[in-house]
Protein backbone atom coordinates (compact mmCIF):
# COMPACT_ATOMS: atom_id res chain seq x y z
CA MET A 1 0.00 0.00 0.00
CA GLY A 2 3.02 2.28 0.10
CA LEU A 3 2.22 3.74 3.51
CA LYS A 4 4.44 6.64 4.50
CA ALA A 5 4.85 8.57 7.72
CA GLY A 6 2.03 11.05 8.21
CA MET A 7 -0.51 9.29 6.02
CA ARG A 8 -4.08 9.25 7.30
CA VAL A 9 -5.51 5.71 7.43
CA LEU A 10 -9.00 4.44 8.31
CA ASP A 11 -9.59 1.17 10.17
CA VAL A 12 -13.16 0.13 9.32
CA GLY A 13 -14.61 -1.91 12.20
CA CYS A 14 -11.58 -1.47 14.45
CA GLY A 15 -12.66 -3.57 17.44
CA VAL A 16 -10.55 -2.54 20.44
CA GLY A 17 -7.74 -1.28 18.22
CA GLY A 18 -5.09 -4.00 18.33
CA PRO A 19 -4.29 -3.98 14.59
CA ALA A 20 -4.45 -0.17 14.46
CA ARG A 21 -1.79 0.14 17.16
CA GLU A 22 0.48 -2.43 15.49
CA ILE A 23 0.17 -0.82 12.06
CA ALA A 24 0.73 2.66 13.49
CA ARG A 25 3.95 1.50 15.15
CA PHE A 26 5.09 -0.45 12.09
CA ALA A 27 4.35 2.12 9.39
CA ASP A 28 4.40 5.37 11.40
CA VAL A 29 1.02 6.49 10.06
CA THR A 30 -1.94 8.20 11.69
CA ILE A 31 -4.93 5.90 12.07
CA VAL A 32 -8.60 6.59 12.77
CA GLY A 33 -10.48 3.55 14.07
CA LEU A 34 -14.22 3.38 13.39
CA ASN A 35 -16.57 1.20 15.45
CA ASN A 36 -20.34 1.27 16.03
CA ASN A 37 -19.90 -0.04 19.60
CA GLU A 38 -19.25 2.67 22.20
CA PHE A 39 -17.96 0.16 24.76
CA GLN A 40 -15.28 -1.08 22.37
CA VAL A 41 -14.38 2.47 21.32
CA ASN A 42 -13.78 3.45 24.97
CA ARG A 43 -11.73 0.32 25.61
CA ALA A 44 -9.68 0.97 22.46
CA ARG A 45 -8.92 4.47 23.71
CA ARG A 46 -7.77 3.13 27.10
CA TYR A 47 -5.51 0.51 25.54
CA THR A 48 -4.08 3.06 23.12
CA ALA A 49 -3.38 5.58 25.89
CA LYS A 50 -1.62 2.86 27.86
CA ALA A 51 0.50 2.12 24.77
CA GLY A 52 1.40 5.81 24.45
CA LEU A 53 -0.15 6.11 20.97
CA SER A 54 -3.12 8.42 21.61
CA ASP A 55 -1.62 11.16 19.42
CA GLN A 56 -1.22 8.73 16.53
CA VAL A 57 -4.26 6.44 16.82
CA THR A 58 -7.75 7.76 17.56
CA PHE A 59 -11.16 6.12 17.66
CA VAL A 60 -14.66 7.29 16.79
CA LYS A 61 -18.12 5.77 16.89
CA GLY A 62 -19.76 5.58 13.49
CA ASP A 63 -21.52 3.63 10.77
CA PHE A 64 -19.40 2.16 7.98
CA MET A 65 -22.39 2.48 5.66
CA LYS A 66 -22.19 6.28 6.10
CA LEU A 67 -18.46 6.94 5.95
CA SER A 68 -18.72 9.86 3.52
CA GLU A 69 -21.27 11.58 5.77
CA GLN A 70 -18.97 11.30 8.78
CA PHE A 71 -15.60 12.07 7.19
CA GLY A 72 -16.32 13.67 3.82
CA GLU A 73 -15.05 12.45 0.47
CA ASN A 74 -11.37 12.05 -0.47
CA TYR A 75 -10.32 12.16 3.19
CA PHE A 76 -8.10 9.09 3.74
CA ASP A 77 -4.87 8.00 2.08
CA ALA A 78 -5.61 4.36 2.90
CA VAL A 79 -8.33 2.16 4.36
CA TYR A 80 -8.32 -1.36 5.77
CA ALA A 81 -10.91 -3.53 7.54
CA ILE A 82 -10.52 -6.68 9.60
CA GLU A 83 -13.41 -9.11 9.97
CA ALA A 84 -15.80 -6.20 9.55
CA THR A 85 -17.36 -5.71 6.12
CA VAL A 86 -18.91 -9.19 6.16
CA HIS A 87 -21.39 -7.59 8.59
CA ALA A 88 -22.51 -5.01 6.02
CA PRO A 89 -26.04 -5.22 4.55
CA SER A 90 -24.37 -5.31 1.13
CA PHE A 91 -20.82 -5.45 -0.19
CA GLU A 92 -21.53 -2.72 -2.74
CA GLY A 93 -22.78 -0.42 0.01
CA VAL A 94 -19.71 -0.60 2.23
CA TYR A 95 -17.16 -0.86 -0.59
CA GLY A 96 -18.80 2.16 -2.22
CA GLU A 97 -18.49 4.18 0.99
CA ILE A 98 -14.82 3.22 1.25
CA MET A 99 -14.30 4.33 -2.33
CA LYS A 100 -15.82 7.74 -1.50
CA VAL A 101 -13.61 8.50 1.51
CA LEU A 102 -10.40 7.44 -0.25
CA LYS A 103 -8.29 10.03 -1.97
CA PRO A 104 -7.77 9.30 -5.68
CA GLY A 105 -5.21 6.53 -5.90
CA GLY A 106 -5.82 5.75 -2.25
CA ILE A 107 -5.38 2.40 -0.58
CA VAL A 108 -7.70 -0.07 1.11
CA ARG A 109 -7.26 -3.41 2.75
CA TYR A 110 -9.52 -5.86 4.61
CA PRO A 111 -8.47 -8.93 6.73
CA PRO A 112 -10.24 -11.79 8.70
CA PHE A 113 -8.74 -13.71 11.61
CA ALA A 114 -6.19 -10.91 11.66
CA GLU A 115 -2.62 -12.06 11.14
CA ILE A 116 -1.22 -8.73 12.22
CA PHE A 117 2.40 -9.15 11.20
CA PHE A 118 1.42 -10.39 7.74
CA LEU A 119 -0.98 -7.47 7.43
CA CYS A 120 1.73 -4.98 8.31
CA LEU A 121 4.09 -6.40 5.71
CA LEU A 122 1.44 -6.06 3.02
CA LEU A 123 0.48 -2.54 4.08
CA ILE A 124 3.93 -1.12 3.34
CA ARG A 125 3.97 -2.44 -0.23
CA SER A 126 2.69 -0.42 -3.18
CA PHE A 127 -0.87 -1.68 -3.15
CA GLN A 128 -3.83 0.59 -3.81
CA PHE A 129 -6.69 -1.35 -2.29
CA GLY A 130 -6.60 -4.59 -0.35
CA CYS A 131 -9.20 -6.79 1.24
CA TYR A 132 -9.67 -9.90 3.34
CA GLU A 133 -13.28 -11.09 3.32
CA TRP A 134 -15.40 -13.86 4.80
CA VAL A 135 -17.19 -15.53 1.88
CA MET A 136 -18.55 -18.88 0.76
CA THR A 137 -16.45 -20.63 -1.89
CA PRO A 138 -17.65 -21.62 -5.37
CA GLN A 139 -18.00 -25.17 -3.94
CA TRP A 140 -20.81 -23.95 -1.69
CA ASP A 141 -24.19 -25.26 -2.83
CA ALA A 142 -27.22 -23.32 -1.57
CA THR A 143 -29.39 -26.42 -2.10
CA ASP A 144 -27.17 -28.67 0.04
CA PRO A 145 -28.63 -28.90 3.60
CA MET A 146 -25.19 -29.32 5.18
CA HIS A 147 -23.77 -26.34 3.31
CA LYS A 148 -26.76 -24.23 4.30
CA GLN A 149 -26.32 -25.29 7.94
CA ILE A 150 -22.66 -24.29 7.92
CA ALA A 151 -23.50 -20.84 6.59
CA HIS A 152 -26.35 -20.45 9.08
CA GLU A 153 -24.18 -21.39 12.07
CA ILE A 154 -21.60 -18.79 11.08
CA GLU A 155 -24.28 -16.15 10.47
CA ILE A 156 -26.31 -16.62 13.66
CA SER A 157 -23.34 -16.83 16.00
CA SER A 158 -21.31 -14.02 14.44
CA GLY A 159 -24.11 -11.51 13.84
CA ILE A 160 -23.73 -11.67 10.05
CA PRO A 161 -26.81 -10.76 7.99
CA GLU A 162 -25.90 -13.15 5.17
CA MET A 163 -22.89 -15.26 4.24
CA ARG A 164 -22.37 -14.44 0.58
CA ILE A 165 -20.58 -16.37 -2.14
CA LEU A 166 -17.15 -15.18 -3.27
CA SER A 167 -18.34 -13.99 -6.67
CA ARG A 168 -20.62 -11.42 -5.02
CA SER A 169 -17.65 -9.82 -3.28
CA ARG A 170 -15.64 -9.89 -6.49
CA ASP A 171 -18.53 -8.36 -8.46
CA ALA A 172 -19.01 -5.68 -5.80
CA PHE A 173 -15.41 -4.51 -6.20
CA ASP A 174 -15.98 -4.16 -9.93
CA ASN A 175 -19.36 -2.48 -9.50
CA VAL A 176 -18.05 0.32 -7.28
CA GLY A 177 -15.00 0.95 -9.44
CA PHE A 178 -12.13 -0.95 -7.87
CA GLN A 179 -9.69 -2.84 -10.08
CA VAL A 180 -8.64 -6.22 -8.64
CA LEU A 181 -4.87 -6.63 -8.89
CA HIS A 182 -4.47 -9.82 -6.86
CA GLU A 183 -6.70 -12.33 -5.12
CA GLU A 184 -6.14 -15.64 -3.37
CA ASP A 185 -7.42 -17.87 -0.60
CA LEU A 186 -4.56 -17.76 1.88
CA ALA A 187 -5.89 -20.89 3.58
CA GLU A 188 -4.96 -22.81 0.45
CA ARG A 189 -1.27 -22.17 0.96
CA PRO A 190 0.48 -25.48 1.79
CA ASP A 191 0.56 -26.33 5.48
CA PRO A 192 0.42 -29.80 7.05
CA ILE A 193 -1.74 -28.45 9.89
CA PRO A 194 -5.01 -26.72 8.89
CA TRP A 195 -5.72 -23.15 9.97
CA TYR A 196 -8.73 -24.22 12.02
CA TYR A 197 -6.83 -26.65 14.27
CA PRO A 198 -7.16 -24.49 17.45
CA LEU A 199 -10.96 -24.64 17.04
CA GLU A 200 -11.19 -28.42 16.65
CA GLY A 201 -10.35 -29.31 20.25
CA ASP A 202 -7.75 -31.86 19.12
CA ILE A 203 -4.86 -31.58 21.59
CA PHE A 204 -2.67 -33.81 19.40
CA LYS A 205 -2.41 -30.97 16.87
CA ALA A 206 -1.07 -28.54 19.47
CA GLN A 207 2.35 -27.11 18.55
CA THR A 208 3.16 -25.17 21.73
CA LEU A 209 2.15 -25.25 25.38
CA TYR A 210 -0.19 -22.34 24.73
CA ASP A 211 -1.67 -24.26 21.81
CA LEU A 212 -2.19 -27.22 24.12
CA PHE A 213 -4.29 -25.07 26.45
CA MET A 214 -6.21 -23.50 23.57
CA CYS A 215 -6.98 -26.86 21.99
CA TRP A 216 -7.98 -28.39 25.32
CA ARG A 217 -10.29 -25.46 26.06
CA ILE A 218 -12.32 -26.36 22.95
CA SER A 219 -12.33 -30.11 23.72
CA TRP A 220 -15.40 -31.74 25.30
CA SER A 221 -13.82 -31.65 28.78
CA GLY A 222 -12.69 -28.04 28.39
CA ARG A 223 -16.14 -27.00 27.21
CA LEU A 224 -17.78 -28.81 30.12
CA ILE A 225 -15.61 -27.05 32.67
CA SER A 226 -15.93 -23.61 31.09
CA HIS A 227 -19.71 -23.99 30.63
CA SER A 228 -20.14 -25.00 34.27
CA ALA A 229 -18.00 -22.11 35.48
CA ILE A 230 -19.88 -19.57 33.34
CA TRP A 231 -23.25 -20.99 34.42
CA LEU A 232 -22.24 -20.65 38.09
CA MET A 233 -20.88 -17.11 37.67
CA GLU A 234 -24.06 -16.03 35.89
CA LYS A 235 -26.18 -17.55 38.67
CA VAL A 236 -24.35 -15.66 41.42
CA GLY A 237 -24.30 -12.42 39.43
CA ILE A 238 -20.59 -12.21 38.60
CA MET A 239 -21.44 -12.43 34.90
CA PRO A 240 -24.47 -10.72 33.33
CA LYS A 241 -27.61 -12.64 32.48
CA GLY A 242 -27.43 -14.10 29.00
CA THR A 243 -23.73 -15.01 29.11
CA VAL A 244 -24.52 -18.74 29.00
CA GLU A 245 -26.77 -18.21 25.98
CA VAL A 246 -24.03 -16.30 24.15
CA THR A 247 -21.57 -19.09 24.98
CA GLU A 248 -23.91 -21.63 23.41
CA GLN A 249 -24.15 -19.52 20.26
CA LEU A 250 -20.37 -19.41 20.05
CA LYS A 251 -20.27 -23.21 20.18
CA HIS A 252 -22.38 -23.26 17.03
CA ALA A 253 -19.97 -20.77 15.47
CA LEU A 254 -17.04 -23.06 16.17
CA LYS A 255 -18.81 -25.98 14.57
CA GLY A 256 -19.73 -23.96 11.47
CA ILE A 257 -16.23 -22.54 11.11
CA VAL A 258 -14.51 -25.91 11.45
CA ASP A 259 -17.00 -27.69 9.17
CA GLY A 260 -16.65 -24.86 6.65
CA GLY A 261 -12.88 -25.23 6.70
CA LYS A 262 -12.95 -29.01 6.38
CA THR A 263 -15.42 -29.02 3.49
CA LYS A 264 -13.79 -25.95 1.90
CA VAL A 265 -17.15 -24.27 1.34
CA TRP A 266 -16.15 -21.23 3.40
CA ILE A 267 -13.14 -18.91 3.03
CA VAL A 268 -11.89 -17.13 6.11
CA TYR A 269 -8.71 -15.84 4.42
CA TYR A 270 -9.96 -14.43 1.08
CA HIS A 271 -7.33 -11.79 0.34
CA VAL A 272 -7.80 -9.25 -2.44
CA VAL A 273 -5.67 -6.30 -3.49
CA ASN A 274 -7.35 -3.57 -5.56
CA SER A 275 -6.60 -0.18 -7.03
CA CYS A 276 -9.01 2.72 -7.24
C-alpha cells in the first residue's frame, strides 16, 4: 500500500484497536479507528493511551455504511478492515463508501482472523486497495442442507446478515469501481496443519504449550468445565444474564467454522488487493 509517515488511514470496524496500534507503530502512520460499539471504542482508547499512541491512533463511533457523511469524500490516504465488512447489509454499500472516503489513488485493505504481522508487511507495499473477506467458496451449494447449515451457524453466532458467495464480493469490487490486482485464498497455501486446528479441540495438533491449552479449552472436557463455570458465575451475578446463551451460540460458530474449513465451502482468508 506504500504507507508513508504522516498518512491518514482508516480502520473500518476497528474492534478494540489491536491492529491499528500495530500498524501505526510499524508504518508510522496516523490511524482513525471506526466502530459502532461505544464500549469497544472506549476500551480501544484506554488501551491506546496505555501504549502511548493516543496522538497517533484515535477512535470514533460511526456507521461504515455512512463513511462519507462522517468524514467527507477524499479524506483518507488508505483504508483497511478486519473481519468487519462481512457484517454489512451489502458489499456494494460498504465498498462504495470506502471508495468515496479514499483520496484518488488511495489504498484499502480488509483482513479476517487478523494475522497482524502479515498485514503490516502487506500494508507497506505499493498496493492501492486490499481486502480480506469472509465468503462462501464456489463449492458452496445453496441447495445442500449441510452447506446451508454451515452458513447459518456462522451467520447466527457471528451476527452476520448473510454469508455471501465469493463472486458477489468480487462483483461488488468491480461495481463500485475498484480494479482487482491480486486475489487468493490464503488458507490454500500449503501447510500440514489446517488453519482451524485451534478450534477443533484436538490436543494432538497442538504445537506449543499455549496451543495445548487453547486446543484443550475447545475439547469436550474443556467446554464442560468452562460452561459449568460460566453458568455458576451467571447464577451468582458475577457475569451478566445471557452469558450462558451467548456461549452456546459461540459453540455453534465453532462448529460452522470448522466444518466450513474441512469441506472448503467457506473462506476465512480471502485476500484481495485492488486499485481505485
